[in-house]
Amino acid sequence: MLGRINHVALAVPDLGAAEAAYGQMLGASLSERQALPEHGVTVVFVELPNSKVELLEPLGDASPIAAFLAKNPAGGMHHICYEVEDIVAARDQLKQSGARVLGDGEPKIGAHGKPVLFLHPKDFFGTLIELEQV
């Protein structure tokens, strides 16, 4: 079911500072900022040869990232995203196995313009999992 790691997401309290650290200090190539109101975040991707790091900043007080940062003010790893070929088939198989899909269970369009779902962290050893159809 799982393909490669698409990205690891880091919640950050200051996207500008994170962009400077990755872009200037580490010399990484960065994407343009992208506001995703339906997900409550603004994102920037650190482009790597074999994957990406997603920098997440809250977009509004109702953002799930705001709640994460309230518990982790310095920021930290928020989720890991795995690629799947068929997100609906993956969802159905996971639900049959007892995994909990967050939200209404229907894929939403993510930052890459592709369908995504999130899986409950309690089902995966404390790690929030995102699945992205490729």
N, C-alpha and C. Protein backbone atom coordinates (compact mmCIF):
# COMPACT_ATOMS: atom_id res chain seq x y z
N MET A 1 0.82 -1.19 0.00
CA MET A 1 0.00 0.00 0.00
C MET A 1 0.86 1.26 0.00
N LEU A 2 1.83 1.35 0.93
CA LEU A 2 2.63 2.57 1.04
C LEU A 2 3.68 2.64 -0.05
N GLY A 3 3.82 3.84 -0.58
CA GLY A 3 4.91 4.14 -1.50
C GLY A 3 6.02 4.86 -0.74
N ARG A 4 6.65 5.79 -1.40
CA ARG A 4 7.77 6.49 -0.77
C ARG A 4 7.26 7.55 0.20
N ILE A 5 8.17 8.05 1.02
CA ILE A 5 7.85 9.20 1.88
C ILE A 5 7.77 10.41 0.97
N ASN A 6 6.65 11.11 1.02
CA ASN A 6 6.50 12.33 0.24
C ASN A 6 7.13 13.51 0.96
N HIS A 7 6.80 13.65 2.26
CA HIS A 7 7.39 14.73 3.05
C HIS A 7 7.22 14.46 4.54
N VAL A 8 8.03 15.17 5.30
CA VAL A 8 7.89 15.24 6.75
C VAL A 8 7.50 16.68 7.04
N ALA A 9 6.46 16.88 7.83
CA ALA A 9 5.94 18.21 8.11
C ALA A 9 6.37 18.69 9.49
N LEU A 10 6.85 19.92 9.54
CA LEU A 10 7.25 20.56 10.78
C LEU A 10 6.35 21.75 11.04
N ALA A 11 5.72 21.79 12.20
CA ALA A 11 4.96 22.96 12.62
C ALA A 11 5.94 23.98 13.14
N VAL A 12 5.81 25.23 12.68
CA VAL A 12 6.75 26.28 13.09
C VAL A 12 5.96 27.49 13.58
N PRO A 13 6.46 28.17 14.62
CA PRO A 13 5.76 29.35 15.13
C PRO A 13 5.98 30.59 14.26
N ASP A 14 7.04 30.59 13.44
CA ASP A 14 7.38 31.75 12.61
C ASP A 14 7.90 31.25 11.27
N LEU A 15 7.04 31.29 10.25
CA LEU A 15 7.41 30.76 8.94
C LEU A 15 8.59 31.52 8.34
N GLY A 16 8.64 32.82 8.54
CA GLY A 16 9.77 33.61 8.02
C GLY A 16 11.09 33.16 8.61
N ALA A 17 11.11 32.90 9.91
CA ALA A 17 12.34 32.43 10.56
C ALA A 17 12.72 31.04 10.06
N ALA A 18 11.71 30.19 9.85
CA ALA A 18 11.98 28.84 9.33
C ALA A 18 12.51 28.91 7.90
N GLU A 19 11.94 29.79 7.08
CA GLU A 19 12.43 29.96 5.71
C GLU A 19 13.89 30.43 5.73
N ALA A 20 14.22 31.35 6.62
CA ALA A 20 15.59 31.84 6.71
C ALA A 20 16.54 30.73 7.16
N ALA A 21 16.13 29.95 8.14
CA ALA A 21 16.99 28.88 8.64
C ALA A 21 17.27 27.85 7.55
N TYR A 22 16.23 27.42 6.87
CA TYR A 22 16.42 26.40 5.83
C TYR A 22 17.04 26.98 4.57
N GLY A 23 16.60 28.16 4.17
CA GLY A 23 17.10 28.75 2.93
C GLY A 23 18.48 29.35 3.04
N GLN A 24 18.70 30.16 4.07
CA GLN A 24 19.97 30.86 4.21
C GLN A 24 21.01 30.03 4.95
N MET A 25 20.64 29.50 6.11
CA MET A 25 21.61 28.75 6.92
C MET A 25 21.95 27.40 6.29
N LEU A 26 20.93 26.68 5.81
CA LEU A 26 21.16 25.34 5.27
C LEU A 26 21.31 25.33 3.75
N GLY A 27 21.02 26.45 3.10
CA GLY A 27 21.18 26.54 1.65
C GLY A 27 20.18 25.72 0.86
N ALA A 28 19.01 25.49 1.43
CA ALA A 28 17.98 24.67 0.76
C ALA A 28 17.19 25.49 -0.25
N SER A 29 16.65 24.80 -1.22
CA SER A 29 15.74 25.39 -2.18
C SER A 29 14.33 25.35 -1.60
N LEU A 30 13.65 26.49 -1.61
CA LEU A 30 12.32 26.60 -1.00
C LEU A 30 11.27 26.89 -2.05
N SER A 31 10.07 26.34 -1.83
CA SER A 31 8.93 26.67 -2.69
C SER A 31 8.40 28.05 -2.29
N GLU A 32 7.46 28.53 -3.06
CA GLU A 32 6.74 29.75 -2.69
C GLU A 32 5.80 29.42 -1.54
N ARG A 33 5.47 30.42 -0.75
CA ARG A 33 4.46 30.25 0.30
C ARG A 33 3.12 29.95 -0.35
N GLN A 34 2.37 29.08 0.31
CA GLN A 34 1.05 28.72 -0.20
C GLN A 34 0.08 28.70 0.98
N ALA A 35 -0.95 29.54 0.92
CA ALA A 35 -2.00 29.54 1.94
C ALA A 35 -3.02 28.47 1.57
N LEU A 36 -3.36 27.65 2.54
CA LEU A 36 -4.36 26.59 2.36
C LEU A 36 -5.46 26.78 3.39
N PRO A 37 -6.39 27.71 3.14
CA PRO A 37 -7.42 28.00 4.14
C PRO A 37 -8.26 26.79 4.55
N GLU A 38 -8.50 25.86 3.61
CA GLU A 38 -9.32 24.69 3.95
C GLU A 38 -8.61 23.77 4.94
N HIS A 39 -7.28 23.90 5.06
CA HIS A 39 -6.52 23.12 6.03
C HIS A 39 -6.04 23.99 7.20
N GLY A 40 -6.25 25.30 7.13
CA GLY A 40 -5.86 26.20 8.21
C GLY A 40 -4.37 26.41 8.34
N VAL A 41 -3.64 26.35 7.22
CA VAL A 41 -2.18 26.49 7.28
C VAL A 41 -1.65 27.31 6.11
N THR A 42 -0.47 27.85 6.32
CA THR A 42 0.36 28.37 5.25
C THR A 42 1.58 27.46 5.20
N VAL A 43 1.98 27.04 4.00
CA VAL A 43 3.06 26.07 3.87
C VAL A 43 4.16 26.59 2.95
N VAL A 44 5.36 26.11 3.22
CA VAL A 44 6.52 26.25 2.34
C VAL A 44 7.18 24.88 2.31
N PHE A 45 7.59 24.44 1.12
CA PHE A 45 8.27 23.16 1.01
C PHE A 45 9.76 23.37 0.82
N VAL A 46 10.54 22.63 1.61
CA VAL A 46 11.99 22.56 1.43
C VAL A 46 12.20 21.42 0.45
N GLU A 47 12.72 21.74 -0.71
CA GLU A 47 12.89 20.75 -1.78
C GLU A 47 14.22 20.02 -1.59
N LEU A 48 14.15 18.72 -1.48
CA LEU A 48 15.33 17.87 -1.30
C LEU A 48 15.42 16.91 -2.48
N PRO A 49 16.59 16.34 -2.73
CA PRO A 49 16.72 15.43 -3.87
C PRO A 49 15.82 14.20 -3.77
N ASN A 50 15.54 13.73 -2.55
CA ASN A 50 14.80 12.49 -2.39
C ASN A 50 13.44 12.65 -1.70
N SER A 51 13.09 13.86 -1.28
CA SER A 51 11.84 14.08 -0.56
C SER A 51 11.65 15.57 -0.34
N LYS A 52 10.77 15.92 0.59
CA LYS A 52 10.53 17.32 0.95
C LYS A 52 10.33 17.42 2.46
N VAL A 53 10.56 18.61 2.98
CA VAL A 53 10.17 18.96 4.33
C VAL A 53 9.13 20.06 4.18
N GLU A 54 7.99 19.89 4.81
CA GLU A 54 6.92 20.88 4.75
C GLU A 54 6.96 21.70 6.03
N LEU A 55 7.09 23.01 5.87
CA LEU A 55 7.06 23.93 7.00
C LEU A 55 5.63 24.47 7.10
N LEU A 56 5.00 24.28 8.24
CA LEU A 56 3.59 24.64 8.46
C LEU A 56 3.48 25.77 9.48
N GLU A 57 2.73 26.80 9.12
CA GLU A 57 2.43 27.88 10.05
C GLU A 57 0.92 28.00 10.13
N PRO A 58 0.37 28.26 11.33
CA PRO A 58 -1.09 28.39 11.45
C PRO A 58 -1.62 29.52 10.57
N LEU A 59 -2.77 29.29 10.00
CA LEU A 59 -3.51 30.30 9.25
C LEU A 59 -4.81 30.53 10.01
N GLY A 60 -4.77 31.43 10.98
CA GLY A 60 -5.93 31.70 11.82
C GLY A 60 -5.89 30.94 13.13
N ASP A 61 -6.67 31.43 14.09
CA ASP A 61 -6.68 30.84 15.43
C ASP A 61 -7.30 29.45 15.49
N ALA A 62 -8.16 29.12 14.52
CA ALA A 62 -8.82 27.81 14.51
C ALA A 62 -7.96 26.74 13.86
N SER A 63 -6.77 27.08 13.41
CA SER A 63 -5.88 26.13 12.74
C SER A 63 -5.48 25.00 13.68
N PRO A 64 -5.47 23.75 13.18
CA PRO A 64 -4.97 22.66 14.01
C PRO A 64 -3.49 22.84 14.36
N ILE A 65 -2.78 23.60 13.55
CA ILE A 65 -1.36 23.87 13.84
C ILE A 65 -1.23 24.82 15.03
N ALA A 66 -2.18 25.74 15.19
CA ALA A 66 -2.18 26.64 16.35
C ALA A 66 -2.31 25.82 17.64
N ALA A 67 -3.18 24.82 17.61
CA ALA A 67 -3.35 23.96 18.79
C ALA A 67 -2.07 23.17 19.06
N PHE A 68 -1.44 22.68 18.00
CA PHE A 68 -0.18 21.94 18.14
C PHE A 68 0.89 22.85 18.76
N LEU A 69 1.00 24.09 18.25
CA LEU A 69 2.01 25.01 18.75
C LEU A 69 1.72 25.48 20.18
N ALA A 70 0.45 25.48 20.58
CA ALA A 70 0.13 25.82 21.97
C ALA A 70 0.75 24.80 22.92
N LYS A 71 0.81 23.55 22.48
CA LYS A 71 1.42 22.48 23.29
C LYS A 71 2.93 22.38 23.09
N ASN A 72 3.40 22.86 21.92
CA ASN A 72 4.81 22.77 21.54
C ASN A 72 5.25 24.14 20.99
N PRO A 73 5.45 25.12 21.87
CA PRO A 73 5.67 26.50 21.42
C PRO A 73 6.88 26.69 20.50
N ALA A 74 7.87 25.85 20.61
CA ALA A 74 9.05 25.97 19.74
C ALA A 74 8.83 25.31 18.38
N GLY A 75 7.71 24.59 18.24
CA GLY A 75 7.44 23.85 17.02
C GLY A 75 7.89 22.41 17.15
N GLY A 76 7.82 21.68 16.05
CA GLY A 76 8.25 20.29 16.06
C GLY A 76 7.63 19.50 14.92
N MET A 77 7.99 18.22 14.88
CA MET A 77 7.45 17.36 13.83
C MET A 77 5.94 17.21 14.02
N HIS A 78 5.20 17.48 12.96
CA HIS A 78 3.75 17.40 13.02
C HIS A 78 3.21 16.11 12.41
N HIS A 79 3.69 15.74 11.21
CA HIS A 79 3.23 14.51 10.58
C HIS A 79 4.22 14.03 9.53
N ILE A 80 4.00 12.81 9.09
CA ILE A 80 4.77 12.24 7.99
C ILE A 80 3.77 11.85 6.90
N CYS A 81 4.14 12.14 5.66
CA CYS A 81 3.24 11.88 4.53
C CYS A 81 3.81 10.77 3.66
N TYR A 82 3.00 9.73 3.46
CA TYR A 82 3.36 8.62 2.59
C TYR A 82 2.53 8.69 1.32
N GLU A 83 3.11 8.28 0.22
CA GLU A 83 2.39 8.22 -1.05
C GLU A 83 1.66 6.89 -1.18
N VAL A 84 0.47 6.95 -1.76
CA VAL A 84 -0.31 5.75 -2.10
C VAL A 84 -0.83 5.91 -3.52
N GLU A 85 -1.03 4.80 -4.19
CA GLU A 85 -1.53 4.86 -5.57
C GLU A 85 -3.02 5.16 -5.64
N ASP A 86 -3.79 4.59 -4.73
CA ASP A 86 -5.24 4.76 -4.74
C ASP A 86 -5.69 5.08 -3.32
N ILE A 87 -5.97 6.35 -3.08
CA ILE A 87 -6.26 6.78 -1.71
C ILE A 87 -7.58 6.21 -1.17
N VAL A 88 -8.56 6.03 -2.02
CA VAL A 88 -9.85 5.47 -1.57
C VAL A 88 -9.68 4.00 -1.20
N ALA A 89 -8.95 3.25 -2.02
CA ALA A 89 -8.69 1.84 -1.69
C ALA A 89 -7.86 1.74 -0.41
N ALA A 90 -6.87 2.61 -0.26
CA ALA A 90 -6.05 2.61 0.96
C ALA A 90 -6.91 2.92 2.18
N ARG A 91 -7.77 3.94 2.06
CA ARG A 91 -8.67 4.31 3.16
C ARG A 91 -9.55 3.13 3.55
N ASP A 92 -10.16 2.50 2.56
CA ASP A 92 -11.07 1.40 2.84
C ASP A 92 -10.34 0.23 3.52
N GLN A 93 -9.16 -0.09 3.04
CA GLN A 93 -8.38 -1.17 3.64
C GLN A 93 -7.98 -0.82 5.08
N LEU A 94 -7.57 0.42 5.30
CA LEU A 94 -7.19 0.85 6.65
C LEU A 94 -8.38 0.82 7.60
N LYS A 95 -9.53 1.30 7.15
CA LYS A 95 -10.72 1.29 8.00
C LYS A 95 -11.12 -0.14 8.35
N GLN A 96 -11.02 -1.07 7.39
CA GLN A 96 -11.33 -2.48 7.66
C GLN A 96 -10.37 -3.06 8.69
N SER A 97 -9.15 -2.53 8.73
CA SER A 97 -8.14 -3.00 9.69
C SER A 97 -8.27 -2.32 11.05
N GLY A 98 -9.20 -1.36 11.16
CA GLY A 98 -9.43 -0.70 12.45
C GLY A 98 -8.79 0.66 12.59
N ALA A 99 -8.13 1.17 11.56
CA ALA A 99 -7.52 2.50 11.64
C ALA A 99 -8.60 3.56 11.54
N ARG A 100 -8.38 4.67 12.23
CA ARG A 100 -9.32 5.78 12.20
C ARG A 100 -8.83 6.86 11.23
N VAL A 101 -9.71 7.21 10.30
CA VAL A 101 -9.44 8.29 9.36
C VAL A 101 -10.02 9.56 9.96
N LEU A 102 -9.23 10.62 10.00
CA LEU A 102 -9.69 11.87 10.61
C LEU A 102 -10.65 12.63 9.68
N GLY A 103 -11.41 13.53 10.28
CA GLY A 103 -12.38 14.31 9.51
C GLY A 103 -13.55 13.46 9.10
N ASP A 104 -14.12 13.78 7.93
CA ASP A 104 -15.29 13.03 7.46
C ASP A 104 -14.92 11.78 6.69
N GLY A 105 -13.61 11.49 6.57
CA GLY A 105 -13.16 10.28 5.88
C GLY A 105 -13.03 10.44 4.39
N GLU A 106 -13.43 11.57 3.86
CA GLU A 106 -13.31 11.81 2.43
C GLU A 106 -12.02 12.56 2.13
N PRO A 107 -11.31 12.17 1.07
CA PRO A 107 -10.08 12.88 0.71
C PRO A 107 -10.35 14.35 0.41
N LYS A 108 -9.38 15.18 0.80
CA LYS A 108 -9.41 16.60 0.48
C LYS A 108 -8.20 16.89 -0.40
N ILE A 109 -8.22 17.97 -1.11
CA ILE A 109 -7.09 18.33 -1.96
C ILE A 109 -6.03 19.00 -1.09
N GLY A 110 -4.80 18.48 -1.17
CA GLY A 110 -3.70 18.99 -0.37
C GLY A 110 -2.86 20.02 -1.11
N ALA A 111 -1.72 20.35 -0.54
CA ALA A 111 -0.84 21.40 -1.05
C ALA A 111 -0.29 21.09 -2.44
N HIS A 112 -0.22 19.83 -2.81
CA HIS A 112 0.30 19.47 -4.12
C HIS A 112 -0.81 19.31 -5.16
N GLY A 113 -2.03 19.67 -4.77
CA GLY A 113 -3.16 19.54 -5.68
C GLY A 113 -3.64 18.12 -5.85
N LYS A 114 -3.29 17.25 -4.91
CA LYS A 114 -3.67 15.84 -4.98
C LYS A 114 -4.49 15.47 -3.75
N PRO A 115 -5.30 14.41 -3.83
CA PRO A 115 -6.11 14.00 -2.69
C PRO A 115 -5.26 13.51 -1.51
N VAL A 116 -5.66 13.94 -0.30
CA VAL A 116 -4.97 13.54 0.93
C VAL A 116 -5.98 13.14 1.99
N LEU A 117 -5.53 12.30 2.91
CA LEU A 117 -6.27 11.90 4.12
C LEU A 117 -5.29 11.87 5.28
N PHE A 118 -5.82 12.04 6.49
CA PHE A 118 -5.00 11.92 7.69
C PHE A 118 -5.52 10.78 8.55
N LEU A 119 -4.59 10.07 9.18
CA LEU A 119 -4.91 8.93 10.04
C LEU A 119 -4.59 9.27 11.49
N HIS A 120 -5.42 8.81 12.38
CA HIS A 120 -5.29 9.14 13.80
C HIS A 120 -3.94 8.71 14.35
N PRO A 121 -3.24 9.63 15.05
CA PRO A 121 -1.92 9.28 15.58
C PRO A 121 -1.93 8.16 16.62
N LYS A 122 -3.02 7.99 17.34
CA LYS A 122 -3.07 6.93 18.34
C LYS A 122 -3.04 5.55 17.70
N ASP A 123 -3.38 5.46 16.42
CA ASP A 123 -3.34 4.18 15.72
C ASP A 123 -1.95 3.88 15.15
N PHE A 124 -1.06 4.88 15.18
CA PHE A 124 0.27 4.72 14.56
C PHE A 124 1.37 5.22 15.48
N PHE A 125 1.27 4.79 16.76
CA PHE A 125 2.33 4.98 17.74
C PHE A 125 2.68 6.44 17.98
N GLY A 126 1.63 7.28 18.01
CA GLY A 126 1.79 8.69 18.34
C GLY A 126 2.17 9.57 17.16
N THR A 127 2.15 9.04 15.95
CA THR A 127 2.53 9.83 14.77
C THR A 127 1.32 10.04 13.87
N LEU A 128 1.03 11.31 13.58
CA LEU A 128 -0.02 11.64 12.63
C LEU A 128 0.48 11.26 11.25
N ILE A 129 -0.33 10.51 10.52
CA ILE A 129 0.02 10.03 9.18
C ILE A 129 -0.85 10.72 8.16
N GLU A 130 -0.22 11.24 7.11
CA GLU A 130 -0.95 11.76 5.97
C GLU A 130 -0.70 10.81 4.81
N LEU A 131 -1.75 10.51 4.07
CA LEU A 131 -1.62 9.74 2.84
C LEU A 131 -1.92 10.67 1.67
N GLU A 132 -1.08 10.61 0.64
CA GLU A 132 -1.31 11.43 -0.55
C GLU A 132 -1.32 10.53 -1.77
N GLN A 133 -2.36 10.67 -2.57
CA GLN A 133 -2.44 9.88 -3.81
C GLN A 133 -1.50 10.47 -4.84
N VAL A 134 -0.74 9.58 -5.49
CA VAL A 134 0.19 10.04 -6.53
C VAL A 134 -0.20 9.48 -7.89
